[in-house]
mmCIF file of all heavy atoms, coordinates in Angstrom:
data_MODEL
# 
_entry.id   MODEL 
# 
loop_
_atom_site.group_PDB 
_atom_site.id 
_atom_site.type_symbol 
_atom_site.label_atom_id 
_atom_site.label_alt_id 
_atom_site.label_comp_id 
_atom_site.label_asym_id 
_atom_site.label_entity_id 
_atom_site.label_seq_id 
_atom_site.pdbx_PDB_ins_code 
_atom_site.Cartn_x 
_atom_site.Cartn_y 
_atom_site.Cartn_z 
_atom_site.occupancy 
_atom_site.B_iso_or_equiv 
_atom_site.pdbx_formal_charge 
_atom_site.auth_seq_id 
_atom_site.auth_comp_id 
_atom_site.auth_asym_id 
_atom_site.auth_atom_id 
_atom_site.pdbx_PDB_model_num 
ATOM 1   N N   . ARG A 1 1  ? 79.457 111.087 84.171  1.00 0.00 ? 1  ARG A N   1 
ATOM 2   C CA  . ARG A 1 1  ? 79.476 109.638 83.995  1.00 0.00 ? 1  ARG A CA  1 
ATOM 3   C C   . ARG A 1 1  ? 80.918 109.114 83.972  1.00 0.00 ? 1  ARG A C   1 
ATOM 4   O O   . ARG A 1 1  ? 81.159 107.965 84.481  1.00 0.00 ? 1  ARG A O   1 
ATOM 5   C CB  . ARG A 1 1  ? 78.722 109.266 82.725  1.00 0.00 ? 1  ARG A CB  1 
ATOM 6   C CG  . ARG A 1 1  ? 77.194 109.498 82.789  1.00 0.00 ? 1  ARG A CG  1 
ATOM 7   C CD  . ARG A 1 1  ? 76.459 108.982 81.627  1.00 0.00 ? 1  ARG A CD  1 
ATOM 8   N NE  . ARG A 1 1  ? 75.008 109.171 81.787  1.00 0.00 ? 1  ARG A NE  1 
ATOM 9   C CZ  . ARG A 1 1  ? 74.227 108.289 82.427  1.00 0.00 ? 1  ARG A CZ  1 
ATOM 10  N NH1 . ARG A 1 1  ? 74.762 107.208 82.962  1.00 0.00 ? 1  ARG A NH1 1 
ATOM 11  N NH2 . ARG A 1 1  ? 72.927 108.541 82.567  1.00 0.00 ? 1  ARG A NH2 1 
ATOM 12  N N   . ALA A 1 2  ? 81.853 109.854 83.443  1.00 0.00 ? 2  ALA A N   1 
ATOM 13  C CA  . ALA A 1 2  ? 83.243 109.436 83.463  1.00 0.00 ? 2  ALA A CA  1 
ATOM 14  C C   . ALA A 1 2  ? 83.761 109.379 84.896  1.00 0.00 ? 2  ALA A C   1 
ATOM 15  O O   . ALA A 1 2  ? 84.490 108.432 85.268  1.00 0.00 ? 2  ALA A O   1 
ATOM 16  C CB  . ALA A 1 2  ? 84.068 110.360 82.608  1.00 0.00 ? 2  ALA A CB  1 
ATOM 17  N N   . CYS A 1 3  ? 83.358 110.350 85.712  1.00 0.00 ? 3  CYS A N   1 
ATOM 18  C CA  . CYS A 1 3  ? 83.780 110.352 87.141  1.00 0.00 ? 3  CYS A CA  1 
ATOM 19  C C   . CYS A 1 3  ? 83.208 109.127 87.841  1.00 0.00 ? 3  CYS A C   1 
ATOM 20  O O   . CYS A 1 3  ? 83.876 108.468 88.663  1.00 0.00 ? 3  CYS A O   1 
ATOM 21  C CB  . CYS A 1 3  ? 83.307 111.628 87.801  1.00 0.00 ? 3  CYS A CB  1 
ATOM 22  S SG  . CYS A 1 3  ? 84.255 113.111 87.317  1.00 0.00 ? 3  CYS A SG  1 
ATOM 23  N N   . LEU A 1 4  ? 81.951 108.827 87.576  1.00 0.00 ? 4  LEU A N   1 
ATOM 24  C CA  . LEU A 1 4  ? 81.307 107.666 88.247  1.00 0.00 ? 4  LEU A CA  1 
ATOM 25  C C   . LEU A 1 4  ? 81.961 106.322 87.789  1.00 0.00 ? 4  LEU A C   1 
ATOM 26  O O   . LEU A 1 4  ? 81.970 105.363 88.565  1.00 0.00 ? 4  LEU A O   1 
ATOM 27  C CB  . LEU A 1 4  ? 79.799 107.614 87.895  1.00 0.00 ? 4  LEU A CB  1 
ATOM 28  C CG  . LEU A 1 4  ? 78.952 108.674 88.538  1.00 0.00 ? 4  LEU A CG  1 
ATOM 29  C CD1 . LEU A 1 4  ? 77.592 108.801 87.847  1.00 0.00 ? 4  LEU A CD1 1 
ATOM 30  C CD2 . LEU A 1 4  ? 78.727 108.390 90.027  1.00 0.00 ? 4  LEU A CD2 1 
ATOM 31  N N   . ALA A 1 5  ? 82.499 106.314 86.588  1.00 0.00 ? 5  ALA A N   1 
ATOM 32  C CA  . ALA A 1 5  ? 83.155 105.082 86.050  1.00 0.00 ? 5  ALA A CA  1 
ATOM 33  C C   . ALA A 1 5  ? 84.601 104.965 86.408  1.00 0.00 ? 5  ALA A C   1 
ATOM 34  O O   . ALA A 1 5  ? 85.256 103.979 86.024  1.00 0.00 ? 5  ALA A O   1 
ATOM 35  C CB  . ALA A 1 5  ? 82.924 105.028 84.577  1.00 0.00 ? 5  ALA A CB  1 
ATOM 36  N N   . ASP A 1 6  ? 85.153 105.933 87.139  1.00 0.00 ? 6  ASP A N   1 
ATOM 37  C CA  . ASP A 1 6  ? 86.625 105.980 87.377  1.00 0.00 ? 6  ASP A CA  1 
ATOM 38  C C   . ASP A 1 6  ? 86.967 105.122 88.615  1.00 0.00 ? 6  ASP A C   1 
ATOM 39  O O   . ASP A 1 6  ? 86.892 105.589 89.756  1.00 0.00 ? 6  ASP A O   1 
ATOM 40  C CB  . ASP A 1 6  ? 87.018 107.450 87.589  1.00 0.00 ? 6  ASP A CB  1 
ATOM 41  C CG  . ASP A 1 6  ? 88.526 107.645 87.624  1.00 0.00 ? 6  ASP A CG  1 
ATOM 42  O OD1 . ASP A 1 6  ? 89.296 106.634 87.853  1.00 0.00 ? 6  ASP A OD1 1 
ATOM 43  O OD2 . ASP A 1 6  ? 88.998 108.765 87.406  1.00 0.00 ? 6  ASP A OD2 1 
ATOM 44  N N   . GLN A 1 7  ? 87.375 103.865 88.341  1.00 0.00 ? 7  GLN A N   1 
ATOM 45  C CA  . GLN A 1 7  ? 87.732 102.983 89.456  1.00 0.00 ? 7  GLN A CA  1 
ATOM 46  C C   . GLN A 1 7  ? 88.889 103.466 90.241  1.00 0.00 ? 7  GLN A C   1 
ATOM 47  O O   . GLN A 1 7  ? 88.939 103.332 91.492  1.00 0.00 ? 7  GLN A O   1 
ATOM 48  C CB  . GLN A 1 7  ? 88.002 101.576 88.890  1.00 0.00 ? 7  GLN A CB  1 
ATOM 49  C CG  . GLN A 1 7  ? 88.477 100.548 89.930  1.00 0.00 ? 7  GLN A CG  1 
ATOM 50  C CD  . GLN A 1 7  ? 87.397 100.179 90.976  1.00 0.00 ? 7  GLN A CD  1 
ATOM 51  O OE1 . GLN A 1 7  ? 86.201 100.328 90.697  1.00 0.00 ? 7  GLN A OE1 1 
ATOM 52  N NE2 . GLN A 1 7  ? 87.820 99.720  92.097  1.00 0.00 ? 7  GLN A NE2 1 
ATOM 53  N N   . LYS A 1 8  ? 89.903 104.050 89.604  1.00 0.00 ? 8  LYS A N   1 
ATOM 54  C CA  . LYS A 1 8  ? 91.079 104.533 90.302  1.00 0.00 ? 8  LYS A CA  1 
ATOM 55  C C   . LYS A 1 8  ? 90.671 105.676 91.276  1.00 0.00 ? 8  LYS A C   1 
ATOM 56  O O   . LYS A 1 8  ? 91.170 105.690 92.413  1.00 0.00 ? 8  LYS A O   1 
ATOM 57  C CB  . LYS A 1 8  ? 92.109 105.033 89.320  1.00 0.00 ? 8  LYS A CB  1 
ATOM 58  C CG  . LYS A 1 8  ? 93.389 105.524 89.954  1.00 0.00 ? 8  LYS A CG  1 
ATOM 59  C CD  . LYS A 1 8  ? 94.466 105.945 88.925  1.00 0.00 ? 8  LYS A CD  1 
ATOM 60  C CE  . LYS A 1 8  ? 95.734 106.423 89.594  1.00 0.00 ? 8  LYS A CE  1 
ATOM 61  N NZ  . LYS A 1 8  ? 96.712 106.853 88.590  1.00 0.00 ? 8  LYS A NZ  1 
ATOM 62  N N   . GLN A 1 9  ? 89.833 106.608 90.823  1.00 0.00 ? 9  GLN A N   1 
ATOM 63  C CA  . GLN A 1 9  ? 89.391 107.651 91.690  1.00 0.00 ? 9  GLN A CA  1 
ATOM 64  C C   . GLN A 1 9  ? 88.570 107.098 92.881  1.00 0.00 ? 9  GLN A C   1 
ATOM 65  O O   . GLN A 1 9  ? 88.692 107.648 93.964  1.00 0.00 ? 9  GLN A O   1 
ATOM 66  C CB  . GLN A 1 9  ? 88.584 108.667 90.880  1.00 0.00 ? 9  GLN A CB  1 
ATOM 67  C CG  . GLN A 1 9  ? 88.053 109.850 91.700  1.00 0.00 ? 9  GLN A CG  1 
ATOM 68  C CD  . GLN A 1 9  ? 89.147 110.637 92.435  1.00 0.00 ? 9  GLN A CD  1 
ATOM 69  O OE1 . GLN A 1 9  ? 90.280 110.672 91.957  1.00 0.00 ? 9  GLN A OE1 1 
ATOM 70  N NE2 . GLN A 1 9  ? 88.797 111.263 93.536  1.00 0.00 ? 9  GLN A NE2 1 
ATOM 71  N N   . LEU A 1 10 ? 87.782 106.127 92.613  1.00 0.00 ? 10 LEU A N   1 
ATOM 72  C CA  . LEU A 1 10 ? 86.971 105.502 93.689  1.00 0.00 ? 10 LEU A CA  1 
ATOM 73  C C   . LEU A 1 10 ? 87.962 104.968 94.773  1.00 0.00 ? 10 LEU A C   1 
ATOM 74  O O   . LEU A 1 10 ? 87.654 105.175 95.970  1.00 0.00 ? 10 LEU A O   1 
ATOM 75  C CB  . LEU A 1 10 ? 86.108 104.372 93.138  1.00 0.00 ? 10 LEU A CB  1 
ATOM 76  C CG  . LEU A 1 10 ? 85.016 103.791 94.019  1.00 0.00 ? 10 LEU A CG  1 
ATOM 77  C CD1 . LEU A 1 10 ? 83.964 103.099 93.208  1.00 0.00 ? 10 LEU A CD1 1 
ATOM 78  C CD2 . LEU A 1 10 ? 85.566 102.819 95.054  1.00 0.00 ? 10 LEU A CD2 1 
ATOM 79  N N   . GLU A 1 11 ? 89.027 104.304 94.380  1.00 0.00 ? 11 GLU A N   1 
ATOM 80  C CA  . GLU A 1 11 ? 89.936 103.767 95.324  1.00 0.00 ? 11 GLU A CA  1 
ATOM 81  C C   . GLU A 1 11 ? 90.633 104.851 96.119  1.00 0.00 ? 11 GLU A C   1 
ATOM 82  O O   . GLU A 1 11 ? 90.833 104.779 97.352  1.00 0.00 ? 11 GLU A O   1 
ATOM 83  C CB  . GLU A 1 11 ? 90.971 102.896 94.596  1.00 0.00 ? 11 GLU A CB  1 
ATOM 84  C CG  . GLU A 1 11 ? 90.354 101.648 93.994  1.00 0.00 ? 11 GLU A CG  1 
ATOM 85  C CD  . GLU A 1 11 ? 91.321 100.878 93.166  1.00 0.00 ? 11 GLU A CD  1 
ATOM 86  O OE1 . GLU A 1 11 ? 92.460 101.281 93.014  1.00 0.00 ? 11 GLU A OE1 1 
ATOM 87  O OE2 . GLU A 1 11 ? 90.875 99.836  92.546  1.00 0.00 ? 11 GLU A OE2 1 
ATOM 88  N N   . ILE A 1 12 ? 91.039 105.939 95.434  1.00 0.00 ? 12 ILE A N   1 
ATOM 89  C CA  . ILE A 1 12 ? 91.647 107.109 96.093  1.00 0.00 ? 12 ILE A CA  1 
ATOM 90  C C   . ILE A 1 12 ? 90.691 107.724 97.067  1.00 0.00 ? 12 ILE A C   1 
ATOM 91  O O   . ILE A 1 12 ? 91.032 108.036 98.227  1.00 0.00 ? 12 ILE A O   1 
ATOM 92  C CB  . ILE A 1 12 ? 92.157 108.124 95.077  1.00 0.00 ? 12 ILE A CB  1 
ATOM 93  C CG1 . ILE A 1 12 ? 93.286 107.576 94.209  1.00 0.00 ? 12 ILE A CG1 1 
ATOM 94  C CG2 . ILE A 1 12 ? 92.542 109.441 95.716  1.00 0.00 ? 12 ILE A CG2 1 
ATOM 95  C CD1 . ILE A 1 12 ? 93.674 108.419 93.032  1.00 0.00 ? 12 ILE A CD1 1 
ATOM 96  N N   . MET A 1 13 ? 89.435 107.892 96.620  1.00 0.00 ? 13 MET A N   1 
ATOM 97  C CA  . MET A 1 13 ? 88.421 108.541 97.427  1.00 0.00 ? 13 MET A CA  1 
ATOM 98  C C   . MET A 1 13 ? 88.073 107.748 98.702  1.00 0.00 ? 13 MET A C   1 
ATOM 99  O O   . MET A 1 13 ? 87.740 108.319 99.705  1.00 0.00 ? 13 MET A O   1 
ATOM 100 C CB  . MET A 1 13 ? 87.174 108.719 96.570  1.00 0.00 ? 13 MET A CB  1 
ATOM 101 C CG  . MET A 1 13 ? 85.992 109.428 97.165  1.00 0.00 ? 13 MET A CG  1 
ATOM 102 S SD  . MET A 1 13 ? 84.565 109.228 96.055  1.00 0.00 ? 13 MET A SD  1 
ATOM 103 C CE  . MET A 1 13 ? 84.094 107.521 96.425  1.00 0.00 ? 13 MET A CE  1 
ATOM 104 N N   . ALA A 1 14 ? 88.212 106.428 98.638  1.00 0.00 ? 14 ALA A N   1 
ATOM 105 C CA  . ALA A 1 14 ? 87.839 105.591 99.789  1.00 0.00 ? 14 ALA A CA  1 
ATOM 106 C C   . ALA A 1 14 ? 88.926 105.533 100.840 1.00 0.00 ? 14 ALA A C   1 
ATOM 107 O O   . ALA A 1 14 ? 88.669 105.108 101.913 1.00 0.00 ? 14 ALA A O   1 
ATOM 108 C CB  . ALA A 1 14 ? 87.489 104.152 99.267  1.00 0.00 ? 14 ALA A CB  1 
ATOM 109 N N   . LYS A 1 15 ? 90.171 105.936 100.481 1.00 0.00 ? 15 LYS A N   1 
ATOM 110 C CA  . LYS A 1 15 ? 91.250 105.796 101.424 1.00 0.00 ? 15 LYS A CA  1 
ATOM 111 C C   . LYS A 1 15 ? 91.060 106.540 102.752 1.00 0.00 ? 15 LYS A C   1 
ATOM 112 O O   . LYS A 1 15 ? 91.387 105.984 103.825 1.00 0.00 ? 15 LYS A O   1 
ATOM 113 C CB  . LYS A 1 15 ? 92.559 106.203 100.740 1.00 0.00 ? 15 LYS A CB  1 
ATOM 114 C CG  . LYS A 1 15 ? 93.084 105.176 99.786  1.00 0.00 ? 15 LYS A CG  1 
ATOM 115 C CD  . LYS A 1 15 ? 94.410 105.583 99.159  1.00 0.00 ? 15 LYS A CD  1 
ATOM 116 C CE  . LYS A 1 15 ? 94.895 104.527 98.142  1.00 0.00 ? 15 LYS A CE  1 
ATOM 117 N NZ  . LYS A 1 15 ? 96.153 104.926 97.505  1.00 0.00 ? 15 LYS A NZ  1 
ATOM 118 N N   . PRO A 1 16 ? 90.555 107.805 102.723 1.00 0.00 ? 16 PRO A N   1 
ATOM 119 C CA  . PRO A 1 16 ? 90.347 108.462 104.038 1.00 0.00 ? 16 PRO A CA  1 
ATOM 120 C C   . PRO A 1 16 ? 89.380 107.738 104.931 1.00 0.00 ? 16 PRO A C   1 
ATOM 121 O O   . PRO A 1 16 ? 89.549 107.685 106.149 1.00 0.00 ? 16 PRO A O   1 
ATOM 122 C CB  . PRO A 1 16 ? 89.774 109.831 103.637 1.00 0.00 ? 16 PRO A CB  1 
ATOM 123 C CG  . PRO A 1 16 ? 90.358 110.066 102.279 1.00 0.00 ? 16 PRO A CG  1 
ATOM 124 C CD  . PRO A 1 16 ? 90.361 108.744 101.634 1.00 0.00 ? 16 PRO A CD  1 
ATOM 125 N N   . THR A 1 17 ? 88.316 107.094 104.357 1.00 0.00 ? 17 THR A N   1 
ATOM 126 C CA  . THR A 1 17 ? 87.399 106.312 105.123 1.00 0.00 ? 17 THR A CA  1 
ATOM 127 C C   . THR A 1 17 ? 88.068 105.102 105.730 1.00 0.00 ? 17 THR A C   1 
ATOM 128 O O   . THR A 1 17 ? 87.969 104.794 106.968 1.00 0.00 ? 17 THR A O   1 
ATOM 129 C CB  . THR A 1 17 ? 86.205 105.864 104.245 1.00 0.00 ? 17 THR A CB  1 
ATOM 130 O OG1 . THR A 1 17 ? 85.511 107.030 103.770 1.00 0.00 ? 17 THR A OG1 1 
ATOM 131 C CG2 . THR A 1 17 ? 85.237 104.991 105.076 1.00 0.00 ? 17 THR A CG2 1 
ATOM 132 N N   . GLU A 1 18 ? 88.858 104.440 104.904 1.00 0.00 ? 18 GLU A N   1 
ATOM 133 C CA  . GLU A 1 18 ? 89.550 103.229 105.351 1.00 0.00 ? 18 GLU A CA  1 
ATOM 134 C C   . GLU A 1 18 ? 90.526 103.534 106.506 1.00 0.00 ? 18 GLU A C   1 
ATOM 135 O O   . GLU A 1 18 ? 90.551 102.881 107.526 1.00 0.00 ? 18 GLU A O   1 
ATOM 136 C CB  . GLU A 1 18 ? 90.289 102.575 104.215 1.00 0.00 ? 18 GLU A CB  1 
ATOM 137 C CG  . GLU A 1 18 ? 90.967 101.289 104.598 1.00 0.00 ? 18 GLU A CG  1 
ATOM 138 C CD  . GLU A 1 18 ? 91.631 100.584 103.391 1.00 0.00 ? 18 GLU A CD  1 
ATOM 139 O OE1 . GLU A 1 18 ? 91.778 101.252 102.323 1.00 0.00 ? 18 GLU A OE1 1 
ATOM 140 O OE2 . GLU A 1 18 ? 91.974 99.426  103.498 1.00 0.00 ? 18 GLU A OE2 1 
ATOM 141 N N   . SER A 1 19 ? 91.318 104.571 106.292 1.00 0.00 ? 19 SER A N   1 
ATOM 142 C CA  . SER A 1 19 ? 92.370 104.895 107.315 1.00 0.00 ? 19 SER A CA  1 
ATOM 143 C C   . SER A 1 19 ? 91.696 105.387 108.604 1.00 0.00 ? 19 SER A C   1 
ATOM 144 O O   . SER A 1 19 ? 92.156 105.031 109.717 1.00 0.00 ? 19 SER A O   1 
ATOM 145 C CB  . SER A 1 19 ? 93.328 105.955 106.784 1.00 0.00 ? 19 SER A CB  1 
ATOM 146 O OG  . SER A 1 19 ? 92.675 107.164 106.439 1.00 0.00 ? 19 SER A OG  1 
ATOM 147 N N   . ALA A 1 20 ? 90.612 106.152 108.511 1.00 0.00 ? 20 ALA A N   1 
ATOM 148 C CA  . ALA A 1 20 ? 89.983 106.695 109.680 1.00 0.00 ? 20 ALA A CA  1 
ATOM 149 C C   . ALA A 1 20 ? 89.249 105.560 110.452 1.00 0.00 ? 20 ALA A C   1 
ATOM 150 O O   . ALA A 1 20 ? 89.258 105.553 111.698 1.00 0.00 ? 20 ALA A O   1 
ATOM 151 C CB  . ALA A 1 20 ? 88.927 107.758 109.338 1.00 0.00 ? 20 ALA A CB  1 
ATOM 152 N N   . MET A 1 21 ? 88.755 104.580 109.749 1.00 0.00 ? 21 MET A N   1 
ATOM 153 C CA  . MET A 1 21 ? 88.160 103.414 110.401 1.00 0.00 ? 21 MET A CA  1 
ATOM 154 C C   . MET A 1 21 ? 89.184 102.574 111.123 1.00 0.00 ? 21 MET A C   1 
ATOM 155 O O   . MET A 1 21 ? 89.023 102.136 112.275 1.00 0.00 ? 21 MET A O   1 
ATOM 156 C CB  . MET A 1 21 ? 87.376 102.594 109.404 1.00 0.00 ? 21 MET A CB  1 
ATOM 157 C CG  . MET A 1 21 ? 86.105 103.186 108.898 1.00 0.00 ? 21 MET A CG  1 
ATOM 158 S SD  . MET A 1 21 ? 85.311 102.205 107.575 1.00 0.00 ? 21 MET A SD  1 
ATOM 159 C CE  . MET A 1 21 ? 84.942 100.717 108.450 1.00 0.00 ? 21 MET A CE  1 
ATOM 160 N N   . GLN A 1 22 ? 90.304 102.332 110.430 1.00 0.00 ? 22 GLN A N   1 
ATOM 161 C CA  . GLN A 1 22 ? 91.356 101.493 110.954 1.00 0.00 ? 22 GLN A CA  1 
ATOM 162 C C   . GLN A 1 22 ? 92.016 102.120 112.184 1.00 0.00 ? 22 GLN A C   1 
ATOM 163 O O   . GLN A 1 22 ? 92.375 101.413 113.126 1.00 0.00 ? 22 GLN A O   1 
ATOM 164 C CB  . GLN A 1 22 ? 92.407 101.165 109.911 1.00 0.00 ? 22 GLN A CB  1 
ATOM 165 C CG  . GLN A 1 22 ? 91.863 100.230 108.820 1.00 0.00 ? 22 GLN A CG  1 
ATOM 166 C CD  . GLN A 1 22 ? 92.884 100.002 107.695 1.00 0.00 ? 22 GLN A CD  1 
ATOM 167 O OE1 . GLN A 1 22 ? 93.851 100.734 107.594 1.00 0.00 ? 22 GLN A OE1 1 
ATOM 168 N NE2 . GLN A 1 22 ? 92.646 98.974  106.915 1.00 0.00 ? 22 GLN A NE2 1 
ATOM 169 N N   . SER A 1 23 ? 92.119 103.466 112.202 1.00 0.00 ? 23 SER A N   1 
ATOM 170 C CA  . SER A 1 23 ? 92.760 104.091 113.331 1.00 0.00 ? 23 SER A CA  1 
ATOM 171 C C   . SER A 1 23 ? 91.805 104.359 114.473 1.00 0.00 ? 23 SER A C   1 
ATOM 172 O O   . SER A 1 23 ? 92.230 104.671 115.586 1.00 0.00 ? 23 SER A O   1 
ATOM 173 C CB  . SER A 1 23 ? 93.295 105.479 112.861 1.00 0.00 ? 23 SER A CB  1 
ATOM 174 O OG  . SER A 1 23 ? 92.261 106.377 112.546 1.00 0.00 ? 23 SER A OG  1 
ATOM 175 N N   . GLY A 1 24 ? 90.521 104.213 114.201 1.00 0.00 ? 24 GLY A N   1 
ATOM 176 C CA  . GLY A 1 24 ? 89.522 104.447 115.232 1.00 0.00 ? 24 GLY A CA  1 
ATOM 177 C C   . GLY A 1 24 ? 89.174 105.922 115.379 1.00 0.00 ? 24 GLY A C   1 
ATOM 178 O O   . GLY A 1 24 ? 88.410 106.285 116.322 1.00 0.00 ? 24 GLY A O   1 
ATOM 179 N N   . THR A 1 25 ? 89.679 106.758 114.497 1.00 0.00 ? 25 THR A N   1 
ATOM 180 C CA  . THR A 1 25 ? 89.401 108.187 114.602 1.00 0.00 ? 25 THR A CA  1 
ATOM 181 C C   . THR A 1 25 ? 87.919 108.470 114.412 1.00 0.00 ? 25 THR A C   1 
ATOM 182 O O   . THR A 1 25 ? 87.356 109.361 115.112 1.00 0.00 ? 25 THR A O   1 
ATOM 183 C CB  . THR A 1 25 ? 90.172 108.957 113.486 1.00 0.00 ? 25 THR A CB  1 
ATOM 184 O OG1 . THR A 1 25 ? 91.576 108.679 113.630 1.00 0.00 ? 25 THR A OG1 1 
ATOM 185 C CG2 . THR A 1 25 ? 89.961 110.441 113.578 1.00 0.00 ? 25 THR A CG2 1 
ATOM 186 N N   . VAL A 1 26 ? 87.241 107.756 113.525 1.00 0.00 ? 26 VAL A N   1 
ATOM 187 C CA  . VAL A 1 26 ? 85.880 108.045 113.184 1.00 0.00 ? 26 VAL A CA  1 
ATOM 188 C C   . VAL A 1 26 ? 85.020 106.778 113.468 1.00 0.00 ? 26 VAL A C   1 
ATOM 189 O O   . VAL A 1 26 ? 85.336 105.712 112.889 1.00 0.00 ? 26 VAL A O   1 
ATOM 190 C CB  . VAL A 1 26 ? 85.692 108.482 111.725 1.00 0.00 ? 26 VAL A CB  1 
ATOM 191 C CG1 . VAL A 1 26 ? 84.223 108.800 111.440 1.00 0.00 ? 26 VAL A CG1 1 
ATOM 192 C CG2 . VAL A 1 26 ? 86.570 109.686 111.456 1.00 0.00 ? 26 VAL A CG2 1 
ATOM 193 N N   . THR A 1 27 ? 83.974 106.889 114.282 1.00 0.00 ? 27 THR A N   1 
ATOM 194 C CA  . THR A 1 27 ? 83.052 105.831 114.555 1.00 0.00 ? 27 THR A CA  1 
ATOM 195 C C   . THR A 1 27 ? 81.687 106.181 114.118 1.00 0.00 ? 27 THR A C   1 
ATOM 196 O O   . THR A 1 27 ? 80.765 105.325 114.138 1.00 0.00 ? 27 THR A O   1 
ATOM 197 C CB  . THR A 1 27 ? 83.089 105.463 116.000 1.00 0.00 ? 27 THR A CB  1 
ATOM 198 O OG1 . THR A 1 27 ? 82.782 106.608 116.800 1.00 0.00 ? 27 THR A OG1 1 
ATOM 199 C CG2 . THR A 1 27 ? 84.446 104.948 116.443 1.00 0.00 ? 27 THR A CG2 1 
# 
């Protein structure tokens, strides 16, 4: 539950998705 509530970790975890989408690497 602490992991699920960790906003900072959520932001870190989402970065690979964001960068891959922006670069067009992953569709």
